[in-house]
C-alpha atoms as a PDB file:
ATOM      1  CA  MET A   1     -13.356  48.650  34.731  1.00  0.00           C
ATOM      2  CA  SER A   2     -16.271  51.085  34.831  1.00  0.00           C
ATOM      3  CA  TYR A   3     -17.789  50.791  31.382  1.00  0.00           C
ATOM      4  CA  ASN A   4     -20.005  53.800  32.048  1.00  0.00           C
ATOM      5  CA  GLN A   5     -16.933  56.035  32.260  1.00  0.00           C
ATOM      6  CA  ASN A   6     -14.818  54.308  29.611  1.00  0.00           C
ATOM      7  CA  LYS A   7     -16.548  53.231  26.431  1.00  0.00           C
ATOM      8  CA  PRO A   8     -15.069  49.857  25.506  1.00  0.00           C
ATOM      9  CA  ASP A   9     -13.517  49.251  22.114  1.00  0.00           C
ATOM     10  CA  THR A  10     -14.199  45.483  22.171  1.00  0.00           C
ATOM     11  CA  VAL A  11     -17.171  43.385  23.289  1.00  0.00           C
ATOM     12  CA  TYR A  12     -18.022  39.722  23.383  1.00  0.00           C
ATOM     13  CA  PHE A  13     -21.299  38.622  21.815  1.00  0.00           C
ATOM     14  CA  PHE A  14     -23.320  35.775  23.317  1.00  0.00           C
ATOM     15  CA  GLY A  15     -25.661  34.667  20.566  1.00  0.00           C
ATOM     16  CA  THR A  16     -28.210  32.501  22.496  1.00  0.00           C
ATOM     17  CA  CYS A  17     -29.683  29.173  21.387  1.00  0.00           C
ATOM     18  CA  LEU A  18     -32.724  30.608  19.657  1.00  0.00           C
ATOM     19  CA  VAL A  19     -30.742  33.153  17.687  1.00  0.00           C
ATOM     20  CA  GLU A  20     -28.288  30.538  16.499  1.00  0.00           C
ATOM     21  CA  GLY A  21     -30.906  27.914  15.737  1.00  0.00           C
ATOM     22  CA  LEU A  22     -33.893  29.912  14.507  1.00  0.00           C
ATOM     23  CA  TYR A  23     -33.101  33.626  14.184  1.00  0.00           C
ATOM     24  CA  PRO A  24     -29.570  34.031  12.788  1.00  0.00           C
ATOM     25  CA  GLU A  25     -30.639  37.276  11.104  1.00  0.00           C
ATOM     26  CA  VAL A  26     -31.219  38.748  14.573  1.00  0.00           C
ATOM     27  CA  GLY A  27     -27.699  37.878  15.653  1.00  0.00           C
ATOM     28  CA  MET A  28     -26.210  39.398  12.527  1.00  0.00           C
ATOM     29  CA  ALA A  29     -28.274  42.575  12.936  1.00  0.00           C
ATOM     30  CA  ALA A  30     -27.171  42.908  16.572  1.00  0.00           C
ATOM     31  CA  ILE A  31     -23.509  42.477  15.622  1.00  0.00           C
ATOM     32  CA  LYS A  32     -23.849  45.069  12.854  1.00  0.00           C
ATOM     33  CA  LEU A  33     -25.438  47.550  15.280  1.00  0.00           C
ATOM     34  CA  LEU A  34     -22.631  47.038  17.783  1.00  0.00           C
ATOM     35  CA  SER A  35     -20.056  47.550  15.046  1.00  0.00           C
ATOM     36  CA  LYS A  36     -21.850  50.704  13.933  1.00  0.00           C
ATOM     37  CA  ALA A  37     -21.745  51.900  17.539  1.00  0.00           C
ATOM     38  CA  GLY A  38     -17.969  51.725  17.351  1.00  0.00           C
ATOM     39  CA  VAL A  39     -16.922  48.474  19.001  1.00  0.00           C
ATOM     40  CA  ARG A  40     -15.130  45.384  17.742  1.00  0.00           C
ATOM     41  CA  VAL A  41     -17.330  42.325  18.235  1.00  0.00           C
ATOM     42  CA  VAL A  42     -15.834  38.965  19.246  1.00  0.00           C
ATOM     43  CA  PHE A  43     -18.017  35.876  18.869  1.00  0.00           C
ATOM     44  CA  PRO A  44     -16.397  32.946  20.720  1.00  0.00           C
ATOM     45  CA  ARG A  45     -16.975  29.656  18.970  1.00  0.00           C
ATOM     46  CA  GLY A  46     -18.357  26.777  20.982  1.00  0.00           C
ATOM     47  CA  GLN A  47     -20.957  28.802  22.882  1.00  0.00           C
ATOM     48  CA  THR A  48     -24.275  27.035  23.354  1.00  0.00           C
ATOM     49  CA  CYS A  49     -27.005  27.571  25.963  1.00  0.00           C
ATOM     50  CA  CYS A  50     -26.941  29.814  29.026  1.00  0.00           C
ATOM     51  CA  GLY A  51     -28.300  26.929  31.116  1.00  0.00           C
ATOM     52  CA  GLN A  52     -31.692  28.420  31.868  1.00  0.00           C
ATOM     53  CA  PRO A  53     -33.837  25.443  30.721  1.00  0.00           C
ATOM     54  CA  ALA A  54     -32.050  23.059  33.098  1.00  0.00           C
ATOM     55  CA  TYR A  55     -32.015  25.640  35.889  1.00  0.00           C
ATOM     56  CA  ASN A  56     -35.741  26.402  35.628  1.00  0.00           C
ATOM     57  CA  SER A  57     -36.571  22.688  35.437  1.00  0.00           C
ATOM     58  CA  GLY A  58     -34.871  21.943  38.745  1.00  0.00           C
ATOM     59  CA  PHE A  59     -31.541  20.539  37.555  1.00  0.00           C
ATOM     60  CA  PRO A  60     -28.935  22.879  39.097  1.00  0.00           C
ATOM     61  CA  GLU A  61     -25.945  20.572  38.622  1.00  0.00           C
ATOM     62  CA  GLU A  62     -26.676  20.166  34.938  1.00  0.00           C
ATOM     63  CA  ALA A  63     -27.190  23.930  34.667  1.00  0.00           C
ATOM     64  CA  LYS A  64     -23.797  24.501  36.314  1.00  0.00           C
ATOM     65  CA  LYS A  65     -22.055  22.316  33.727  1.00  0.00           C
ATOM     66  CA  VAL A  66     -23.622  24.270  30.888  1.00  0.00           C
ATOM     67  CA  ALA A  67     -22.907  27.612  32.551  1.00  0.00           C
ATOM     68  CA  ARG A  68     -19.260  26.794  33.259  1.00  0.00           C
ATOM     69  CA  HIS A  69     -18.727  25.981  29.600  1.00  0.00           C
ATOM     70  CA  GLN A  70     -20.059  29.397  28.579  1.00  0.00           C
ATOM     71  CA  ILE A  71     -17.988  31.190  31.211  1.00  0.00           C
ATOM     72  CA  SER A  72     -14.799  29.546  29.968  1.00  0.00           C
ATOM     73  CA  LEU A  73     -15.295  31.063  26.508  1.00  0.00           C
ATOM     74  CA  PHE A  74     -15.202  34.706  27.663  1.00  0.00           C
ATOM     75  CA  PRO A  75     -11.872  35.039  29.516  1.00  0.00           C
ATOM     76  CA  GLU A  76     -10.951  38.658  28.736  1.00  0.00           C
ATOM     77  CA  ASP A  77     -12.383  41.599  30.659  1.00  0.00           C
ATOM     78  CA  HIS A  78     -14.718  42.741  27.895  1.00  0.00           C
ATOM     79  CA  PRO A  79     -18.450  43.419  28.233  1.00  0.00           C
ATOM     80  CA  ILE A  80     -20.615  40.496  27.124  1.00  0.00           C
ATOM     81  CA  VAL A  81     -23.603  41.665  25.089  1.00  0.00           C
ATOM     82  CA  VAL A  82     -26.689  39.448  24.839  1.00  0.00           C
ATOM     83  CA  PRO A  83     -29.642  40.060  22.454  1.00  0.00           C
ATOM     84  CA  SER A  84     -32.096  38.615  24.976  1.00  0.00           C
ATOM     85  CA  GLY A  85     -33.365  39.827  28.330  1.00  0.00           C
ATOM     86  CA  SER A  86     -34.076  36.226  29.290  1.00  0.00           C
ATOM     87  CA  CYS A  87     -30.603  34.826  28.680  1.00  0.00           C
ATOM     88  CA  ALA A  88     -28.968  37.991  30.009  1.00  0.00           C
ATOM     89  CA  GLY A  89     -31.063  37.688  33.160  1.00  0.00           C
ATOM     90  CA  MET A  90     -29.950  34.101  33.664  1.00  0.00           C
ATOM     91  CA  MET A  91     -26.292  34.997  33.272  1.00  0.00           C
ATOM     92  CA  LYS A  92     -26.348  38.231  35.255  1.00  0.00           C
ATOM     93  CA  VAL A  93     -28.863  37.503  38.016  1.00  0.00           C
ATOM     94  CA  HIS A  94     -28.984  33.742  38.413  1.00  0.00           C
ATOM     95  CA  TYR A  95     -25.387  32.641  37.868  1.00  0.00           C
ATOM     96  CA  PRO A  96     -24.326  34.233  41.196  1.00  0.00           C
ATOM     97  CA  ILE A  97     -27.204  32.406  42.907  1.00  0.00           C
ATOM     98  CA  LEU A  98     -26.452  29.127  41.159  1.00  0.00           C
ATOM     99  CA  PHE A  99     -22.778  29.227  42.163  1.00  0.00           C
ATOM    100  CA  ALA A 100     -23.263  30.822  45.599  1.00  0.00           C
ATOM    101  CA  GLU A 101     -21.721  27.864  47.455  1.00  0.00           C
ATOM    102  CA  GLU A 102     -18.897  27.236  45.009  1.00  0.00           C
ATOM    103  CA  PRO A 103     -15.227  28.092  45.716  1.00  0.00           C
ATOM    104  CA  ASP A 104     -15.057  30.269  42.600  1.00  0.00           C
ATOM    105  CA  GLN A 105     -18.219  32.238  43.346  1.00  0.00           C
ATOM    106  CA  SER A 106     -16.341  35.566  43.260  1.00  0.00           C
ATOM    107  CA  GLU A 107     -15.058  34.826  39.747  1.00  0.00           C
ATOM    108  CA  ILE A 108     -18.571  33.888  38.651  1.00  0.00           C
ATOM    109  CA  ALA A 109     -19.932  37.117  40.116  1.00  0.00           C
ATOM    110  CA  ALA A 110     -17.279  39.109  38.230  1.00  0.00           C
ATOM    111  CA  PHE A 111     -18.319  37.362  35.011  1.00  0.00           C
ATOM    112  CA  SER A 112     -21.978  38.210  35.641  1.00  0.00           C
ATOM    113  CA  GLU A 113     -21.127  41.870  36.142  1.00  0.00           C
ATOM    114  CA  ARG A 114     -19.927  41.983  32.533  1.00  0.00           C
ATOM    115  CA  ILE A 115     -23.323  40.915  31.133  1.00  0.00           C
ATOM    116  CA  PHE A 116     -25.372  43.523  29.257  1.00  0.00           C
ATOM    117  CA  GLU A 117     -28.598  43.172  27.330  1.00  0.00           C
ATOM    118  CA  LEU A 118     -28.220  44.629  23.829  1.00  0.00           C
ATOM    119  CA  SER A 119     -30.376  47.760  24.149  1.00  0.00           C
ATOM    120  CA  GLU A 120     -29.006  48.448  27.623  1.00  0.00           C
ATOM    121  CA  PHE A 121     -25.467  48.418  26.259  1.00  0.00           C
ATOM    122  CA  LEU A 122     -26.252  50.580  23.234  1.00  0.00           C
ATOM    123  CA  VAL A 123     -28.099  53.204  25.270  1.00  0.00           C
ATOM    124  CA  ARG A 124     -26.317  53.338  28.622  1.00  0.00           C
ATOM    125  CA  ILE A 125     -22.770  52.526  27.623  1.00  0.00           C
ATOM    126  CA  MET A 126     -22.392  53.631  23.993  1.00  0.00           C
ATOM    127  CA  GLU A 127     -25.010  56.426  23.992  1.00  0.00           C
ATOM    128  CA  PHE A 128     -25.995  55.193  20.548  1.00  0.00           C
ATOM    129  CA  ARG A 129     -27.873  57.572  18.240  1.00  0.00           C
ATOM    130  CA  LEU A 130     -30.071  56.514  15.334  1.00  0.00           C
ATOM    131  CA  ALA A 131     -31.156  58.113  12.060  1.00  0.00           C
ATOM    132  CA  ASP A 132     -34.353  56.643  10.625  1.00  0.00           C
ATOM    133  CA  LEU A 133     -34.243  55.869   6.910  1.00  0.00           C
ATOM    134  CA  GLY A 134     -37.481  53.870   6.758  1.00  0.00           C
ATOM    135  CA  ASP A 135     -41.042  54.598   5.740  1.00  0.00           C
ATOM    136  CA  PRO A 136     -43.673  55.581   8.329  1.00  0.00           C
ATOM    137  CA  VAL A 137     -44.904  52.598  10.333  1.00  0.00           C
ATOM    138  CA  SER A 138     -46.910  51.927  13.473  1.00  0.00           C
ATOM    139  CA  VAL A 139     -45.549  49.334  15.911  1.00  0.00           C
ATOM    140  CA  THR A 140     -46.240  48.129  19.417  1.00  0.00           C
ATOM    141  CA  TRP A 141     -43.911  46.677  22.019  1.00  0.00           C
ATOM    142  CA  HIS A 142     -44.039  43.425  23.999  1.00  0.00           C
ATOM    143  CA  SER A 143     -41.991  43.426  27.205  1.00  0.00           C
ATOM    144  CA  SER A 144     -40.523  40.037  28.011  1.00  0.00           C
ATOM    145  CA  CYS A 145     -40.722  39.015  31.658  1.00  0.00           C
ATOM    146  CA  HIS A 146     -36.975  38.805  32.297  1.00  0.00           C
ATOM    147  CA  ALA A 147     -36.127  41.980  30.387  1.00  0.00           C
ATOM    148  CA  ALA A 148     -38.681  43.872  32.474  1.00  0.00           C
ATOM    149  CA  ARG A 149     -38.237  42.337  35.918  1.00  0.00           C
ATOM    150  CA  GLU A 150     -34.638  41.160  36.061  1.00  0.00           C
ATOM    151  CA  MET A 151     -32.649  43.231  33.570  1.00  0.00           C
ATOM    152  CA  LYS A 152     -34.946  46.279  33.784  1.00  0.00           C
ATOM    153  CA  VAL A 153     -34.079  47.380  30.256  1.00  0.00           C
ATOM    154  CA  ILE A 154     -37.480  48.090  28.708  1.00  0.00           C
ATOM    155  CA  GLU A 155     -37.005  51.854  28.682  1.00  0.00           C
ATOM    156  CA  ASP A 156     -33.653  51.392  26.963  1.00  0.00           C
ATOM    157  CA  SER A 157     -35.322  49.418  24.188  1.00  0.00           C
ATOM    158  CA  LYS A 158     -38.151  51.911  23.823  1.00  0.00           C
ATOM    159  CA  SER A 159     -35.768  54.851  23.803  1.00  0.00           C
ATOM    160  CA  LEU A 160     -34.110  53.382  20.706  1.00  0.00           C
ATOM    161  CA  LEU A 161     -37.480  53.041  18.983  1.00  0.00           C
ATOM    162  CA  ARG A 162     -38.399  56.608  19.930  1.00  0.00           C
ATOM    163  CA  GLN A 163     -35.299  57.879  18.140  1.00  0.00           C
ATOM    164  CA  LEU A 164     -36.825  56.633  14.876  1.00  0.00           C
ATOM    165  CA  HIS A 165     -38.864  59.621  13.713  1.00  0.00           C
ATOM    166  CA  ASN A 166     -40.963  57.621  11.227  1.00  0.00           C
ATOM    167  CA  VAL A 167     -41.935  54.985  13.797  1.00  0.00           C
ATOM    168  CA  SER A 168     -45.087  55.440  15.889  1.00  0.00           C
ATOM    169  CA  LEU A 169     -44.880  53.392  19.084  1.00  0.00           C
ATOM    170  CA  VAL A 170     -48.400  52.434  20.201  1.00  0.00           C
ATOM    171  CA  ASP A 171     -49.029  51.411  23.815  1.00  0.00           C
ATOM    172  CA  LEU A 172     -49.948  47.757  24.336  1.00  0.00           C
ATOM    173  CA  GLU A 173     -52.594  46.842  26.897  1.00  0.00           C
ATOM    174  CA  ASN A 174     -51.087  44.688  29.651  1.00  0.00           C
ATOM    175  CA  GLU A 175     -47.732  45.095  27.970  1.00  0.00           C
ATOM    176  CA  GLN A 176     -45.773  43.241  30.657  1.00  0.00           C
ATOM    177  CA  GLN A 177     -48.196  40.320  30.847  1.00  0.00           C
ATOM    178  CA  CYS A 178     -46.385  37.096  29.937  1.00  0.00           C
ATOM    179  CA  CYS A 179     -46.944  35.771  26.422  1.00  0.00           C
ATOM    180  CA  GLY A 180     -47.105  32.216  27.778  1.00  0.00           C
ATOM    181  CA  PHE A 181     -43.821  30.903  26.422  1.00  0.00           C
ATOM    182  CA  GLY A 182     -41.689  30.587  29.548  1.00  0.00           C
ATOM    183  CA  GLY A 183     -39.393  28.049  27.891  1.00  0.00           C
ATOM    184  CA  THR A 184     -40.366  24.625  29.191  1.00  0.00           C
ATOM    185  CA  PHE A 185     -43.603  26.059  30.634  1.00  0.00           C
ATOM    186  CA  SER A 186     -45.152  26.089  27.160  1.00  0.00           C
ATOM    187  CA  VAL A 187     -44.372  22.377  26.853  1.00  0.00           C
ATOM    188  CA  LYS A 188     -45.438  21.361  30.354  1.00  0.00           C
ATOM    189  CA  GLN A 189     -48.588  23.519  30.407  1.00  0.00           C
ATOM    190  CA  PRO A 190     -49.650  23.783  26.744  1.00  0.00           C
ATOM    191  CA  ASP A 191     -53.291  24.682  27.365  1.00  0.00           C
ATOM    192  CA  ILE A 192     -52.463  27.519  29.759  1.00  0.00           C
ATOM    193  CA  SER A 193     -49.679  28.709  27.485  1.00  0.00           C
ATOM    194  CA  ALA A 194     -51.995  28.731  24.461  1.00  0.00           C
ATOM    195  CA  ALA A 195     -54.604  30.764  26.333  1.00  0.00           C
ATOM    196  CA  MET A 196     -51.988  33.294  27.421  1.00  0.00           C
ATOM    197  CA  VAL A 197     -50.580  33.806  23.947  1.00  0.00           C
ATOM    198  CA  ARG A 198     -54.098  34.207  22.511  1.00  0.00           C
ATOM    199  CA  ASP A 199     -54.697  37.010  25.020  1.00  0.00           C
ATOM    200  CA  LYS A 200     -51.396  38.596  24.042  1.00  0.00           C
ATOM    201  CA  LEU A 201     -52.150  38.388  20.321  1.00  0.00           C
ATOM    202  CA  GLU A 202     -55.618  39.898  20.793  1.00  0.00           C
ATOM    203  CA  ALA A 203     -54.107  42.829  22.683  1.00  0.00           C
ATOM    204  CA  ILE A 204     -51.550  43.343  19.914  1.00  0.00           C
ATOM    205  CA  GLU A 205     -54.250  43.309  17.224  1.00  0.00           C
ATOM    206  CA  LYS A 206     -56.299  45.889  19.166  1.00  0.00           C
ATOM    207  CA  THR A 207     -53.475  48.420  18.866  1.00  0.00           C
ATOM    208  CA  GLY A 208     -53.839  48.520  15.081  1.00  0.00           C
ATOM    209  CA  ALA A 209     -50.048  48.302  14.744  1.00  0.00           C
ATOM    210  CA  SER A 210     -48.698  46.321  11.827  1.00  0.00           C
ATOM    211  CA  GLU A 211     -45.778  44.926  13.805  1.00  0.00           C
ATOM    212  CA  VAL A 212     -44.955  43.902  17.357  1.00  0.00           C
ATOM    213  CA  ILE A 213     -41.351  44.411  18.434  1.00  0.00           C
ATOM    214  CA  SER A 214     -39.606  42.647  21.292  1.00  0.00           C
ATOM    215  CA  GLY A 215     -36.104  41.982  22.553  1.00  0.00           C
ATOM    216  CA  ASP A 216     -36.521  38.254  23.157  1.00  0.00           C
ATOM    217  CA  CYS A 217     -36.686  35.589  20.476  1.00  0.00           C
ATOM    218  CA  GLY A 218     -38.506  33.161  22.767  1.00  0.00           C
ATOM    219  CA  CYS A 219     -41.474  35.504  23.037  1.00  0.00           C
ATOM    220  CA  LEU A 220     -41.355  36.229  19.323  1.00  0.00           C
ATOM    221  CA  LEU A 221     -41.282  32.523  18.526  1.00  0.00           C
ATOM    222  CA  ASN A 222     -44.391  31.968  20.623  1.00  0.00           C
ATOM    223  CA  ILE A 223     -46.333  35.009  19.426  1.00  0.00           C
ATOM    224  CA  SER A 224     -45.468  34.504  15.757  1.00  0.00           C
ATOM    225  CA  GLY A 225     -46.440  30.837  16.011  1.00  0.00           C
ATOM    226  CA  ALA A 226     -49.819  31.793  17.425  1.00  0.00           C
ATOM    227  CA  ALA A 227     -50.244  34.501  14.781  1.00  0.00           C
ATOM    228  CA  GLU A 228     -49.601  32.000  12.012  1.00  0.00           C
ATOM    229  CA  TYR A 229     -51.917  29.402  13.561  1.00  0.00           C
ATOM    230  CA  LEU A 230     -54.721  31.927  14.088  1.00  0.00           C
ATOM    231  CA  LYS A 231     -54.116  33.529  10.679  1.00  0.00           C
ATOM    232  CA  SER A 232     -53.285  36.947  12.095  1.00  0.00           C
ATOM    233  CA  SER A 233     -51.563  39.545   9.905  1.00  0.00           C
ATOM    234  CA  VAL A 234     -49.404  40.801  12.792  1.00  0.00           C
ATOM    235  CA  LYS A 235     -45.684  40.712  12.014  1.00  0.00           C
ATOM    236  CA  CYS A 236     -43.245  39.889  14.825  1.00  0.00           C
ATOM    237  CA  ARG A 237     -39.746  41.396  14.826  1.00  0.00           C
ATOM    238  CA  HIS A 238     -36.745  41.478  17.114  1.00  0.00           C
ATOM    239  CA  LEU A 239     -35.592  44.963  18.057  1.00  0.00           C
ATOM    240  CA  ALA A 240     -32.114  44.483  16.564  1.00  0.00           C
ATOM    241  CA  GLU A 241     -33.355  43.405  13.147  1.00  0.00           C
ATOM    242  CA  PHE A 242     -36.020  46.101  13.064  1.00  0.00           C
ATOM    243  CA  ILE A 243     -33.577  48.899  13.913  1.00  0.00           C
ATOM    244  CA  TRP A 244     -30.835  47.695  11.595  1.00  0.00           C
ATOM    245  CA  GLU A 245     -33.146  47.540   8.588  1.00  0.00           C
ATOM    246  CA  ARG A 246     -34.336  51.110   9.222  1.00  0.00           C
ATOM    247  CA  THR A 247     -30.969  52.702   9.867  1.00  0.00           C
ATOM    248  CA  HIS A 248     -28.526  51.402   7.280  1.00  0.00           C
ATOM    249  CA  GLU A 249     -28.275  52.396   3.654  1.00  0.00           C
ATOM    250  CA  SER A 250     -28.785  49.544   1.193  1.00  0.00           C
END
């Protein structure tokens, strides 16, 4: 099915580990936005991790086991929407590589073709339009590495923010510079990671924006942790939560 020509009436939602464990409000906001866009959202129970931590740490067989479990939960030919450029990138770009020598590689590739990052799906597939109900605010944007380089969805995310007439989007210096999280990288290289996130936080503070918005909870976890530790007033928000709060009537 060409989703660009036929807007789907049903989508699957892959919640991600960080959303389920630390940011459930982000998952709920994303689901509400998808519903508002006109689709029925199916959340398969039993979903866990996309397999990226094992994959990036050099354990492909373990990553395959995790990935196969996720794939089994999304059997129907519906788009699979992911509120994370990182997890979406793993499932769309790296699953075909991970399973390249497997007998079912064509089925895996077909699964990966159904993966969409949240803002990508709302903008390109649903042509979603927003009406801003919030007060004037100045924000800046952090581009996660995978959203920018693998999923290439940054302009989709920004286009949603630009629809909000009371939101001023301020450019961030070195916007696509990594925040230092990188999953297990922040654990294996804590000193380097800490230096990187300090640089990121300083750049955010220089914008004068009261909030930094991103589409990846991993980055937000890292930046908000540094902000709290360094006693910064910068507020970190996921795109889905930020948009939902500004566009629905209480």
